Amino acid sequence: MGVNISIKNVPEEKLERLKQRAKFNHRSLQGELLALIDAAVGEKPNGTMTLAELAERGRKLGLKTPSESVQMIREDRDR
């Protein structure tokens, strides 16, 4: 079970930047803070992966690169 923590005397401008960052990442403020803590202690938040991991997953699914998709479109047009 998790533990509640609090940070006192956070400057207003830093709070606003955190809120903007959370909005950009489609997270609540708490979710953004947890993601920052996870990054600081070297853990990945649930469901996240590196760019290399994402690329590997795409290859395993048989997704094509942009150059391959151009070739596929040209072949389709030629038919």
Protein backbone atom coordinates (compact mmCIF):
# COMPACT_ATOMS: atom_id res chain seq x y z
CA MET A 1 0.00 0.00 0.00
CA GLY A 2 1.22 3.50 -0.83
CA VAL A 3 2.15 6.23 1.58
CA ASN A 4 0.94 9.83 1.40
CA ILE A 5 3.62 12.50 1.22
CA SER A 6 3.41 16.27 0.91
CA ILE A 7 5.73 19.03 -0.22
CA LYS A 8 5.41 22.33 1.60
CA ASN A 9 6.06 25.83 0.30
CA VAL A 10 6.11 24.96 -3.41
CA PRO A 11 6.56 28.22 -5.34
CA GLU A 12 3.46 29.10 -7.36
CA GLU A 13 5.38 29.27 -10.66
CA LYS A 14 6.72 25.73 -10.16
CA LEU A 15 3.26 24.45 -9.37
CA GLU A 16 1.96 26.01 -12.59
CA ARG A 17 4.78 24.42 -14.60
CA LEU A 18 3.98 21.03 -13.05
CA LYS A 19 0.30 21.45 -13.91
CA GLN A 20 1.20 22.36 -17.51
CA ARG A 21 3.50 19.36 -17.74
CA ALA A 22 0.77 17.07 -16.38
CA LYS A 23 -1.73 18.44 -18.91
CA PHE A 24 0.76 17.96 -21.76
CA ASN A 25 1.30 14.33 -20.69
CA HIS A 26 -2.45 13.71 -20.24
CA ARG A 27 -2.03 13.03 -16.53
CA SER A 28 -3.40 14.37 -13.31
CA LEU A 29 -1.02 16.40 -11.18
CA GLN A 30 -0.61 13.39 -8.89
CA GLY A 31 0.05 11.12 -11.86
CA GLU A 32 2.70 13.50 -13.15
CA LEU A 33 4.39 13.69 -9.76
CA LEU A 34 4.41 9.90 -9.48
CA ALA A 35 5.93 9.65 -12.98
CA LEU A 36 8.67 12.09 -11.94
CA ILE A 37 9.36 10.07 -8.79
CA ASP A 38 9.48 6.85 -10.85
CA ALA A 39 11.98 8.46 -13.24
CA ALA A 40 14.08 9.72 -10.34
CA VAL A 41 14.38 6.27 -8.78
CA GLY A 42 14.89 4.51 -12.12
CA GLU A 43 11.51 2.84 -12.51
CA LYS A 44 9.22 3.09 -15.50
CA PRO A 45 5.57 3.95 -14.83
CA ASN A 46 3.13 1.17 -15.75
CA GLY A 47 2.57 0.84 -19.46
CA THR A 48 5.52 2.99 -20.55
CA MET A 49 8.44 1.96 -22.70
CA THR A 50 11.50 3.46 -24.30
CA LEU A 51 11.56 4.49 -27.95
CA ALA A 52 13.72 1.45 -28.74
CA GLU A 53 11.21 -0.85 -27.00
CA LEU A 54 8.38 0.76 -28.95
CA ALA A 55 10.24 0.30 -32.25
CA GLU A 56 10.91 -3.35 -31.43
CA ARG A 57 7.25 -3.94 -30.62
CA GLY A 58 6.33 -2.38 -33.96
CA ARG A 59 8.72 -4.70 -35.82
CA LYS A 60 7.26 -7.72 -34.02
CA LEU A 61 3.78 -6.62 -35.07
CA GLY A 62 4.93 -6.39 -38.69
CA LEU A 63 4.55 -2.62 -38.97
CA LYS A 64 6.33 -1.07 -41.92
CA THR A 65 8.76 1.84 -42.08
CA PRO A 66 7.84 5.02 -44.01
CA SER A 67 9.97 3.97 -47.00
CA GLU A 68 8.23 0.60 -47.12
CA SER A 69 4.82 2.26 -46.96
CA VAL A 70 5.70 4.49 -49.93
CA GLN A 71 6.61 1.39 -51.92
CA MET A 72 3.37 -0.33 -50.88
CA ILE A 73 1.30 2.68 -51.99
CA ARG A 74 3.07 2.83 -55.35
CA GLU A 75 2.50 -0.90 -55.90
CA ASP A 76 -1.17 -0.47 -55.00
CA ARG A 77 -1.53 2.42 -57.46
CA ASP A 78 0.13 0.40 -60.22
CA ARG A 79 -2.43 -2.38 -59.86
